[in-house]
């Protein structure tokens, strides 16, 4: 007998993610998390009949629904957000309000020195090496192209000389059967 499906919800950004699953573990897997959002109070089971219709129609599929309009979401933001320079929470020095309350003339913490700009020498050397190699390669290809052109000219001259020689030899060869036949006739007769 298949297990009964329940619908679970967790907030994701400005949306709620609903999923119909047989267990909380299956819901967490559908959401793609290995953290127990239920134990932290970040996920819950949904029983509202209107909200469970769509997820129950598509079990295992995460259904996203916006939690209101953009205006409603902006209105829900806290009104008393701290300013950027007040109430530091990371423990990296006093806040601006604390610094103002120090006695006049009290030595303030020196601002940290800016990090030095990284040295570019290695990059410049690498770029120069690539440029030099490309120039050497281009020059070698140009020299090879010149040699190829010279060899092509030499081949054309050789082929022309060979054609001329073969033409003369073939003309001579064509005369030989007749000359041979005449010589044979004289010999026999």
N, C-alpha and C. Protein backbone atom coordinates (compact mmCIF):
# COMPACT_ATOMS: atom_id res chain seq x y z
N UNK A 1 0.84 -1.18 0.00
CA UNK A 1 0.00 0.00 0.00
C UNK A 1 0.88 1.24 0.00
N UNK A 2 0.71 2.16 -0.95
CA UNK A 2 1.54 3.35 -1.02
C UNK A 2 1.33 4.25 0.20
N UNK A 3 2.43 4.92 0.56
CA UNK A 3 2.36 5.83 1.71
C UNK A 3 1.58 7.08 1.34
N UNK A 4 0.91 7.63 2.32
CA UNK A 4 0.11 8.84 2.11
C UNK A 4 1.05 10.03 1.92
N UNK A 5 0.72 10.87 0.94
CA UNK A 5 1.54 12.05 0.67
C UNK A 5 1.12 13.20 1.58
N UNK A 6 2.14 13.96 1.98
CA UNK A 6 1.91 15.19 2.74
C UNK A 6 2.55 16.32 1.94
N UNK A 7 2.09 17.53 2.17
CA UNK A 7 2.66 18.68 1.46
C UNK A 7 3.50 19.47 2.46
N UNK A 8 4.71 19.80 2.01
CA UNK A 8 5.65 20.55 2.83
C UNK A 8 6.03 21.84 2.11
N UNK A 9 6.40 22.85 2.92
CA UNK A 9 6.74 24.16 2.36
C UNK A 9 8.01 24.68 3.04
N UNK A 10 8.86 25.37 2.23
CA UNK A 10 10.03 26.08 2.76
C UNK A 10 10.20 27.37 1.96
N UNK A 11 10.64 28.45 2.60
CA UNK A 11 10.86 29.68 1.85
C UNK A 11 12.18 29.61 1.08
N UNK A 12 12.14 30.06 -0.17
CA UNK A 12 13.34 30.14 -1.01
C UNK A 12 13.32 31.51 -1.67
N UNK A 13 14.12 32.42 -1.17
CA UNK A 13 14.14 33.78 -1.71
C UNK A 13 12.79 34.44 -1.51
N UNK A 14 12.20 34.97 -2.56
CA UNK A 14 10.90 35.62 -2.49
C UNK A 14 9.77 34.65 -2.79
N UNK A 15 10.09 33.35 -2.81
CA UNK A 15 9.09 32.34 -3.13
C UNK A 15 8.99 31.33 -2.00
N UNK A 16 7.89 30.59 -1.99
CA UNK A 16 7.75 29.41 -1.15
C UNK A 16 7.84 28.22 -2.07
N UNK A 17 8.58 27.19 -1.64
CA UNK A 17 8.71 25.97 -2.44
C UNK A 17 7.86 24.90 -1.77
N UNK A 18 6.88 24.39 -2.50
CA UNK A 18 5.98 23.36 -2.01
C UNK A 18 6.35 22.04 -2.68
N UNK A 19 6.21 20.93 -1.94
CA UNK A 19 6.42 19.62 -2.53
C UNK A 19 5.53 18.61 -1.82
N UNK A 20 4.93 17.71 -2.60
CA UNK A 20 4.14 16.62 -2.04
C UNK A 20 5.07 15.41 -1.96
N UNK A 21 5.27 14.92 -0.74
CA UNK A 21 6.21 13.81 -0.53
C UNK A 21 5.69 12.93 0.61
N UNK A 22 6.16 11.67 0.66
CA UNK A 22 5.69 10.77 1.72
C UNK A 22 6.33 11.06 3.08
N UNK A 23 7.47 11.81 3.09
CA UNK A 23 8.15 12.07 4.36
C UNK A 23 8.92 13.38 4.28
N UNK A 24 9.34 13.85 5.45
CA UNK A 24 10.14 15.06 5.49
C UNK A 24 11.47 14.83 4.76
N UNK A 25 12.05 13.65 4.92
CA UNK A 25 13.31 13.32 4.26
C UNK A 25 13.15 13.41 2.74
N UNK A 26 12.06 12.88 2.22
CA UNK A 26 11.81 12.94 0.78
C UNK A 26 11.62 14.39 0.32
N UNK A 27 11.00 15.21 1.15
CA UNK A 27 10.82 16.63 0.81
C UNK A 27 12.17 17.33 0.75
N UNK A 28 13.03 17.04 1.73
CA UNK A 28 14.37 17.66 1.73
C UNK A 28 15.14 17.25 0.48
N UNK A 29 15.02 16.00 0.06
CA UNK A 29 15.70 15.53 -1.15
C UNK A 29 15.16 16.26 -2.38
N UNK A 30 13.85 16.46 -2.43
CA UNK A 30 13.24 17.16 -3.57
C UNK A 30 13.73 18.60 -3.63
N UNK A 31 13.94 19.22 -2.49
CA UNK A 31 14.44 20.60 -2.45
C UNK A 31 15.93 20.66 -2.71
N UNK A 32 16.61 19.52 -2.68
CA UNK A 32 18.04 19.48 -2.95
C UNK A 32 18.90 19.93 -1.79
N UNK A 33 18.47 19.63 -0.58
CA UNK A 33 19.28 20.01 0.59
C UNK A 33 19.49 18.80 1.47
N UNK A 34 20.63 18.81 2.18
CA UNK A 34 20.88 17.74 3.14
C UNK A 34 20.76 18.27 4.57
N UNK A 35 20.40 19.53 4.73
CA UNK A 35 20.17 20.12 6.05
C UNK A 35 18.74 19.85 6.47
N UNK A 36 18.54 19.63 7.74
CA UNK A 36 17.19 19.37 8.24
C UNK A 36 16.50 20.71 8.49
N UNK A 37 15.82 21.20 7.46
CA UNK A 37 15.14 22.48 7.55
C UNK A 37 13.97 22.43 8.53
N UNK A 38 13.43 21.25 8.76
CA UNK A 38 12.30 21.11 9.69
C UNK A 38 12.76 21.33 11.12
N UNK A 39 13.93 20.79 11.47
CA UNK A 39 14.45 20.94 12.84
C UNK A 39 14.81 22.39 13.12
N UNK A 40 15.22 23.11 12.10
CA UNK A 40 15.61 24.52 12.26
C UNK A 40 14.40 25.44 12.20
N UNK A 41 13.23 24.90 11.87
CA UNK A 41 12.04 25.73 11.77
C UNK A 41 11.92 26.44 10.43
N UNK A 42 12.72 26.02 9.44
CA UNK A 42 12.69 26.66 8.12
C UNK A 42 11.77 25.93 7.14
N UNK A 43 11.13 24.86 7.57
CA UNK A 43 10.19 24.15 6.71
C UNK A 43 9.06 23.63 7.58
N UNK A 44 7.91 23.40 6.93
CA UNK A 44 6.74 22.96 7.70
C UNK A 44 5.79 22.17 6.81
N UNK A 45 4.90 21.43 7.48
CA UNK A 45 3.86 20.72 6.76
C UNK A 45 2.72 21.70 6.52
N UNK A 46 2.10 21.61 5.33
CA UNK A 46 1.00 22.50 4.96
C UNK A 46 -0.29 21.69 4.95
N UNK A 47 -1.34 22.26 5.57
CA UNK A 47 -2.62 21.55 5.60
C UNK A 47 -3.74 22.35 4.92
N UNK A 48 -3.47 23.59 4.53
CA UNK A 48 -4.47 24.43 3.87
C UNK A 48 -4.88 23.77 2.56
N UNK A 49 -6.17 23.49 2.40
CA UNK A 49 -6.69 22.77 1.25
C UNK A 49 -6.36 23.47 -0.07
N UNK A 50 -6.39 24.78 -0.10
CA UNK A 50 -6.13 25.53 -1.32
C UNK A 50 -4.65 25.43 -1.71
N UNK A 51 -3.74 25.44 -0.72
CA UNK A 51 -2.31 25.41 -0.98
C UNK A 51 -1.80 24.03 -1.36
N UNK A 52 -2.49 22.96 -0.98
CA UNK A 52 -1.99 21.61 -1.23
C UNK A 52 -2.46 21.02 -2.55
N UNK A 53 -3.41 21.66 -3.23
CA UNK A 53 -3.98 21.11 -4.47
C UNK A 53 -2.91 20.87 -5.54
N UNK A 54 -2.18 21.91 -5.91
CA UNK A 54 -1.21 21.80 -7.00
C UNK A 54 -0.08 20.83 -6.67
N UNK A 55 0.54 20.90 -5.47
CA UNK A 55 1.60 19.93 -5.16
C UNK A 55 1.10 18.49 -5.16
N UNK A 56 -0.11 18.23 -4.65
CA UNK A 56 -0.63 16.86 -4.65
C UNK A 56 -0.90 16.37 -6.06
N UNK A 57 -1.18 17.27 -6.98
CA UNK A 57 -1.42 16.89 -8.37
C UNK A 57 -0.10 16.49 -9.06
N UNK A 58 1.03 16.95 -8.52
CA UNK A 58 2.35 16.65 -9.12
C UNK A 58 3.31 16.19 -8.02
N UNK A 59 3.12 15.02 -7.44
CA UNK A 59 3.95 14.56 -6.32
C UNK A 59 5.44 14.54 -6.69
N UNK A 60 6.27 14.96 -5.75
CA UNK A 60 7.72 14.96 -5.93
C UNK A 60 8.26 16.16 -6.68
N UNK A 61 7.42 16.92 -7.35
CA UNK A 61 7.86 18.10 -8.10
C UNK A 61 7.76 19.33 -7.20
N UNK A 62 8.83 20.15 -7.23
CA UNK A 62 8.85 21.37 -6.42
C UNK A 62 8.03 22.44 -7.13
N UNK A 63 7.04 22.97 -6.44
CA UNK A 63 6.18 24.02 -6.97
C UNK A 63 6.56 25.32 -6.27
N UNK A 64 6.90 26.34 -7.06
CA UNK A 64 7.29 27.64 -6.49
C UNK A 64 6.14 28.61 -6.61
N UNK A 65 5.89 29.32 -5.51
CA UNK A 65 4.85 30.36 -5.51
C UNK A 65 5.42 31.62 -4.88
N UNK A 66 5.17 32.75 -5.52
CA UNK A 66 5.65 34.02 -5.00
C UNK A 66 4.91 34.35 -3.71
N UNK A 67 5.65 34.94 -2.77
CA UNK A 67 5.05 35.32 -1.49
C UNK A 67 4.55 36.76 -1.55
N UNK A 68 3.78 37.10 -2.54
CA UNK A 68 3.21 38.44 -2.65
C UNK A 68 3.83 39.20 -3.80
N UNK A 69 3.35 40.42 -3.98
CA UNK A 69 3.86 41.27 -5.05
C UNK A 69 5.19 41.87 -4.63
N UNK A 70 5.86 42.49 -5.56
CA UNK A 70 7.13 43.14 -5.25
C UNK A 70 6.93 44.24 -4.21
N UNK A 71 5.87 45.00 -4.36
CA UNK A 71 5.59 46.08 -3.40
C UNK A 71 5.37 45.50 -2.00
N UNK A 72 4.65 44.38 -1.90
CA UNK A 72 4.41 43.76 -0.59
C UNK A 72 5.72 43.24 0.00
N UNK A 73 6.59 42.70 -0.83
CA UNK A 73 7.87 42.19 -0.34
C UNK A 73 8.76 43.32 0.15
N UNK A 74 8.77 44.45 -0.56
CA UNK A 74 9.57 45.61 -0.13
C UNK A 74 9.00 46.18 1.16
N UNK A 75 7.68 46.24 1.25
CA UNK A 75 7.05 46.78 2.46
C UNK A 75 7.34 45.90 3.67
N UNK A 76 7.59 44.61 3.46
CA UNK A 76 7.84 43.70 4.57
C UNK A 76 9.27 43.79 5.10
N UNK A 77 10.14 44.51 4.41
CA UNK A 77 11.52 44.67 4.89
C UNK A 77 11.52 45.49 6.17
N UNK A 78 12.45 45.22 7.09
CA UNK A 78 12.49 46.00 8.34
C UNK A 78 12.84 47.46 8.06
N UNK A 79 12.17 48.36 8.78
CA UNK A 79 12.36 49.79 8.55
C UNK A 79 13.62 50.32 9.22
N UNK A 80 14.07 49.69 10.28
CA UNK A 80 15.20 50.22 11.06
C UNK A 80 16.49 49.46 10.74
N UNK A 81 16.81 49.33 9.47
CA UNK A 81 18.04 48.65 9.08
C UNK A 81 19.23 49.50 9.50
N UNK A 82 20.28 48.90 10.05
CA UNK A 82 21.45 49.68 10.49
C UNK A 82 22.19 50.25 9.28
N UNK A 83 22.78 51.44 9.48
CA UNK A 83 23.57 52.05 8.42
C UNK A 83 24.85 51.26 8.25
N UNK A 84 25.49 51.41 7.13
CA UNK A 84 26.66 50.61 6.79
C UNK A 84 27.80 50.79 7.79
N UNK A 85 27.94 51.98 8.38
CA UNK A 85 29.07 52.21 9.27
C UNK A 85 28.72 52.06 10.74
N UNK A 86 27.52 51.62 11.05
CA UNK A 86 27.12 51.47 12.44
C UNK A 86 27.01 50.00 12.82
N UNK A 87 27.30 49.72 14.09
CA UNK A 87 27.06 48.41 14.66
C UNK A 87 27.72 47.27 13.92
N UNK A 88 29.02 47.31 13.77
CA UNK A 88 29.71 46.22 13.10
C UNK A 88 29.53 44.95 13.90
N UNK A 89 29.38 43.87 13.21
CA UNK A 89 29.16 42.61 13.92
C UNK A 89 30.28 41.63 13.67
N UNK A 90 31.22 41.93 12.79
CA UNK A 90 32.26 40.97 12.49
C UNK A 90 33.45 41.09 13.43
N UNK A 91 33.47 42.05 14.33
CA UNK A 91 34.57 42.19 15.27
C UNK A 91 35.84 42.71 14.62
N UNK A 92 35.72 43.47 13.54
CA UNK A 92 36.91 43.96 12.86
C UNK A 92 37.15 45.44 13.17
N UNK A 93 37.03 45.83 14.43
CA UNK A 93 37.32 47.19 14.82
C UNK A 93 36.09 47.90 15.33
N UNK A 94 36.28 49.08 15.89
CA UNK A 94 35.13 49.81 16.44
C UNK A 94 34.26 50.38 15.33
N UNK A 95 32.98 50.54 15.67
CA UNK A 95 32.07 51.16 14.71
C UNK A 95 32.35 52.65 14.67
N UNK A 96 31.77 53.32 13.69
CA UNK A 96 31.96 54.76 13.56
C UNK A 96 31.44 55.46 14.81
N UNK A 97 30.32 54.98 15.36
CA UNK A 97 29.77 55.60 16.57
C UNK A 97 30.75 55.46 17.73
N UNK A 98 31.39 54.30 17.85
CA UNK A 98 32.37 54.10 18.92
C UNK A 98 33.59 54.97 18.72
N UNK A 99 34.04 55.11 17.46
CA UNK A 99 35.22 55.92 17.18
C UNK A 99 34.97 57.38 17.53
N UNK A 100 33.75 57.85 17.35
CA UNK A 100 33.43 59.25 17.64
C UNK A 100 33.43 59.52 19.14
N UNK A 101 33.18 58.49 19.95
CA UNK A 101 33.11 58.70 21.39
C UNK A 101 34.47 58.66 22.05
N UNK A 102 35.52 58.31 21.30
CA UNK A 102 36.86 58.29 21.90
C UNK A 102 37.27 59.71 22.26
N UNK A 103 38.13 59.81 23.22
CA UNK A 103 38.60 61.12 23.67
C UNK A 103 39.38 61.80 22.56
N UNK A 104 39.24 63.14 22.47
CA UNK A 104 40.00 63.85 21.45
C UNK A 104 41.49 63.67 21.71
N UNK A 105 42.25 63.51 20.66
CA UNK A 105 43.68 63.35 20.80
C UNK A 105 44.07 61.91 21.04
N UNK A 106 43.09 61.02 21.29
CA UNK A 106 43.44 59.62 21.49
C UNK A 106 43.90 59.05 20.15
N UNK A 107 44.90 58.21 20.22
CA UNK A 107 45.46 57.65 19.00
C UNK A 107 44.46 56.66 18.39
N UNK A 108 44.13 56.90 17.16
CA UNK A 108 43.21 56.01 16.46
C UNK A 108 44.02 54.90 15.80
N UNK A 109 43.33 53.79 15.58
CA UNK A 109 43.99 52.68 14.89
C UNK A 109 44.37 53.12 13.48
N UNK A 110 45.59 52.82 13.09
CA UNK A 110 46.04 53.20 11.75
C UNK A 110 45.31 52.34 10.73
N UNK A 111 44.97 52.99 9.65
CA UNK A 111 44.31 52.25 8.57
C UNK A 111 45.30 51.24 8.01
N UNK A 112 44.83 50.07 7.64
CA UNK A 112 45.76 49.07 7.11
C UNK A 112 46.36 49.56 5.80
N UNK A 113 47.64 49.23 5.62
CA UNK A 113 48.31 49.62 4.38
C UNK A 113 47.67 48.88 3.23
N UNK A 114 47.51 49.57 2.12
CA UNK A 114 46.97 48.86 0.96
C UNK A 114 47.97 47.81 0.47
N UNK A 115 47.45 46.75 -0.05
CA UNK A 115 48.32 45.70 -0.56
C UNK A 115 49.07 46.24 -1.77
N UNK A 116 50.33 45.84 -1.92
CA UNK A 116 51.07 46.33 -3.09
C UNK A 116 50.50 45.74 -4.37
N UNK A 117 50.63 46.51 -5.42
CA UNK A 117 50.15 46.06 -6.72
C UNK A 117 50.98 44.84 -7.14
N UNK A 118 50.36 43.82 -7.67
CA UNK A 118 51.11 42.63 -8.07
C UNK A 118 52.14 42.97 -9.14
N UNK A 119 53.25 42.26 -9.10
CA UNK A 119 54.33 42.47 -10.05
C UNK A 119 53.94 41.85 -11.39
N UNK A 120 54.09 42.61 -12.44
CA UNK A 120 53.66 42.20 -13.78
C UNK A 120 54.81 41.64 -14.61
N UNK A 121 56.02 41.59 -14.06
CA UNK A 121 57.19 41.19 -14.84
C UNK A 121 57.03 39.81 -15.48
N UNK A 122 56.56 38.83 -14.73
CA UNK A 122 56.42 37.48 -15.28
C UNK A 122 55.43 37.47 -16.44
N UNK A 123 54.33 38.20 -16.30
CA UNK A 123 53.35 38.28 -17.39
C UNK A 123 53.96 38.95 -18.61
N UNK A 124 54.71 40.04 -18.40
CA UNK A 124 55.36 40.73 -19.53
C UNK A 124 56.34 39.81 -20.24
N UNK A 125 57.13 39.05 -19.46
CA UNK A 125 58.10 38.12 -20.07
C UNK A 125 57.38 37.05 -20.88
N UNK A 126 56.29 36.53 -20.34
CA UNK A 126 55.54 35.48 -21.06
C UNK A 126 54.95 36.04 -22.35
N UNK A 127 54.38 37.23 -22.31
CA UNK A 127 53.81 37.84 -23.51
C UNK A 127 54.89 38.11 -24.54
N UNK A 128 56.09 38.58 -24.08
CA UNK A 128 57.20 38.86 -24.98
C UNK A 128 57.69 37.57 -25.63
N UNK A 129 57.77 36.48 -24.85
CA UNK A 129 58.22 35.19 -25.39
C UNK A 129 57.26 34.69 -26.46
N UNK A 130 55.97 34.85 -26.24
CA UNK A 130 54.97 34.42 -27.23
C UNK A 130 55.11 35.26 -28.50
N UNK A 131 55.27 36.57 -28.35
CA UNK A 131 55.40 37.45 -29.52
C UNK A 131 56.65 37.09 -30.33
N UNK A 132 57.77 36.84 -29.64
CA UNK A 132 59.01 36.48 -30.33
C UNK A 132 58.87 35.14 -31.05
N UNK A 133 58.24 34.17 -30.40
CA UNK A 133 58.04 32.85 -31.02
C UNK A 133 57.16 32.98 -32.26
N UNK A 134 56.09 33.77 -32.17
CA UNK A 134 55.22 33.95 -33.32
C UNK A 134 55.98 34.59 -34.49
N UNK A 135 56.86 35.55 -34.21
CA UNK A 135 57.65 36.20 -35.26
C UNK A 135 58.63 35.22 -35.89
N UNK A 136 59.31 34.40 -35.06
CA UNK A 136 60.23 33.39 -35.59
C UNK A 136 59.49 32.39 -36.48
N UNK A 137 58.33 31.97 -36.02
CA UNK A 137 57.54 30.99 -36.79
C UNK A 137 57.08 31.58 -38.13
N UNK A 138 56.67 32.84 -38.11
CA UNK A 138 56.24 33.49 -39.35
C UNK A 138 57.41 33.58 -40.32
N UNK A 139 58.59 33.97 -39.83
CA UNK A 139 59.77 34.09 -40.69
C UNK A 139 60.16 32.72 -41.27
N UNK A 140 60.09 31.67 -40.46
CA UNK A 140 60.42 30.33 -40.95
C UNK A 140 59.44 29.89 -42.03
N UNK A 141 58.15 30.20 -41.84
CA UNK A 141 57.15 29.85 -42.86
C UNK A 141 57.40 30.63 -44.14
N UNK A 142 57.80 31.90 -44.01
CA UNK A 142 58.10 32.71 -45.20
C UNK A 142 59.29 32.11 -45.97
N UNK A 143 60.36 31.72 -45.23
CA UNK A 143 61.54 31.13 -45.88
C UNK A 143 61.15 29.82 -46.57
N UNK A 144 60.34 29.02 -45.91
CA UNK A 144 59.89 27.76 -46.49
C UNK A 144 59.04 28.02 -47.74
N UNK A 145 58.21 29.03 -47.70
CA UNK A 145 57.40 29.38 -48.88
C UNK A 145 58.28 29.78 -50.05
N UNK A 146 59.35 30.53 -49.79
CA UNK A 146 60.28 30.93 -50.86
C UNK A 146 60.96 29.70 -51.45
N UNK A 147 61.38 28.77 -50.58
CA UNK A 147 62.01 27.54 -51.08
C UNK A 147 61.02 26.72 -51.90
N UNK A 148 59.75 26.67 -51.43
CA UNK A 148 58.74 25.93 -52.18
C UNK A 148 58.54 26.54 -53.56
N UNK A 149 58.52 27.88 -53.64
CA UNK A 149 58.36 28.56 -54.93
C UNK A 149 59.53 28.23 -55.86
N UNK A 150 60.76 28.26 -55.31
CA UNK A 150 61.95 27.94 -56.11
C UNK A 150 61.91 26.50 -56.59
N UNK A 151 61.50 25.58 -55.73
CA UNK A 151 61.39 24.17 -56.12
C UNK A 151 60.32 23.99 -57.19
N UNK A 152 59.22 24.73 -57.09
CA UNK A 152 58.17 24.64 -58.11
C UNK A 152 58.69 25.12 -59.46
N UNK A 153 59.47 26.21 -59.47
CA UNK A 153 60.06 26.70 -60.72
C UNK A 153 61.04 25.67 -61.28
N UNK A 154 61.87 25.09 -60.41
CA UNK A 154 62.83 24.08 -60.84
C UNK A 154 62.11 22.86 -61.41
N UNK A 155 61.01 22.45 -60.79
CA UNK A 155 60.23 21.31 -61.30
C UNK A 155 59.67 21.62 -62.69
N UNK A 156 59.14 22.83 -62.87
CA UNK A 156 58.59 23.19 -64.18
C UNK A 156 59.68 23.15 -65.26
N UNK A 157 60.88 23.65 -64.93
CA UNK A 157 61.99 23.61 -65.90
C UNK A 157 62.37 22.16 -66.21
N UNK A 158 62.47 21.33 -65.19
CA UNK A 158 62.83 19.92 -65.37
C UNK A 158 61.80 19.20 -66.23
N UNK A 159 60.51 19.42 -65.92
CA UNK A 159 59.45 18.77 -66.69
C UNK A 159 59.47 19.23 -68.15
N UNK A 160 59.74 20.51 -68.38
CA UNK A 160 59.81 21.01 -69.76
C UNK A 160 60.97 20.36 -70.49
N UNK A 161 62.16 20.28 -69.85
CA UNK A 161 63.33 19.65 -70.48
C UNK A 161 63.05 18.18 -70.77
N UNK A 162 62.42 17.47 -69.81
CA UNK A 162 62.12 16.06 -70.01
C UNK A 162 61.10 15.86 -71.14
N UNK A 163 60.09 16.73 -71.20
CA UNK A 163 59.10 16.64 -72.28
C UNK A 163 59.78 16.83 -73.65
N UNK A 164 60.68 17.80 -73.73
CA UNK A 164 61.39 18.08 -74.99
C UNK A 164 62.22 16.87 -75.40
N UNK A 165 62.94 16.30 -74.41
CA UNK A 165 63.79 15.14 -74.70
C UNK A 165 62.94 13.94 -75.15
N UNK A 166 61.85 13.66 -74.44
CA UNK A 166 60.99 12.53 -74.80
C UNK A 166 60.35 12.72 -76.17
N UNK A 167 59.98 13.93 -76.51
CA UNK A 167 59.38 14.20 -77.83
C UNK A 167 60.38 13.86 -78.93
N UNK A 168 61.63 14.28 -78.75
CA UNK A 168 62.67 14.00 -79.76
C UNK A 168 62.90 12.50 -79.85
N UNK A 169 62.97 11.81 -78.71
CA UNK A 169 63.20 10.36 -78.71
C UNK A 169 62.03 9.62 -79.35
N UNK A 170 60.82 10.06 -79.10
CA UNK A 170 59.64 9.40 -79.69
C UNK A 170 59.61 9.59 -81.21
N UNK A 171 59.98 10.78 -81.69
CA UNK A 171 60.05 11.00 -83.15
C UNK A 171 61.06 10.05 -83.79
N UNK A 172 62.18 9.91 -83.10
CA UNK A 172 63.22 9.00 -83.60
C UNK A 172 62.72 7.56 -83.56
N UNK A 173 62.02 7.22 -82.48
CA UNK A 173 61.50 5.86 -82.33
C UNK A 173 60.47 5.56 -83.42
N UNK A 174 59.66 6.54 -83.80
CA UNK A 174 58.65 6.34 -84.83
C UNK A 174 59.28 6.06 -86.19
N UNK A 175 60.47 6.59 -86.45
CA UNK A 175 61.16 6.37 -87.73
C UNK A 175 61.82 4.99 -87.78
N UNK A 176 62.17 4.45 -86.65
CA UNK A 176 62.97 3.23 -86.61
C UNK A 176 62.27 2.02 -87.22
N UNK A 177 60.96 1.77 -87.04
CA UNK A 177 60.39 0.57 -87.69
C UNK A 177 60.53 0.60 -89.22
N UNK A 178 60.33 1.77 -89.79
CA UNK A 178 60.43 1.88 -91.25
C UNK A 178 61.86 1.62 -91.70
N UNK A 179 62.83 2.22 -91.02
CA UNK A 179 64.24 2.06 -91.35
C UNK A 179 64.64 0.60 -91.18
N UNK A 180 64.18 -0.02 -90.10
CA UNK A 180 64.50 -1.42 -89.81
C UNK A 180 63.89 -2.33 -90.89
N UNK A 181 62.64 -2.03 -91.26
CA UNK A 181 61.97 -2.84 -92.29
C UNK A 181 62.73 -2.77 -93.62
N UNK A 182 63.20 -1.59 -94.01
CA UNK A 182 63.94 -1.42 -95.24
C UNK A 182 65.25 -2.19 -95.16
N UNK A 183 65.91 -2.11 -94.02
CA UNK A 183 67.18 -2.83 -93.84
C UNK A 183 66.97 -4.33 -93.92
N UNK A 184 65.88 -4.85 -93.37
CA UNK A 184 65.58 -6.28 -93.40
C UNK A 184 65.29 -6.73 -94.85
N UNK A 185 64.58 -5.89 -95.57
CA UNK A 185 64.26 -6.23 -96.96
C UNK A 185 65.55 -6.34 -97.80
N UNK A 186 66.48 -5.45 -97.61
CA UNK A 186 67.74 -5.46 -98.32
C UNK A 186 68.56 -6.69 -97.92
N UNK A 187 68.49 -7.06 -96.70
CA UNK A 187 69.29 -8.19 -96.19
C UNK A 187 68.79 -9.49 -96.76
N UNK A 188 67.43 -9.62 -96.89
CA UNK A 188 66.84 -10.85 -97.37
C UNK A 188 67.02 -10.97 -98.90
N UNK A 189 67.09 -9.97 -99.48
CA UNK A 189 66.97 -10.00 -100.87
C UNK A 189 67.92 -9.78 -101.85
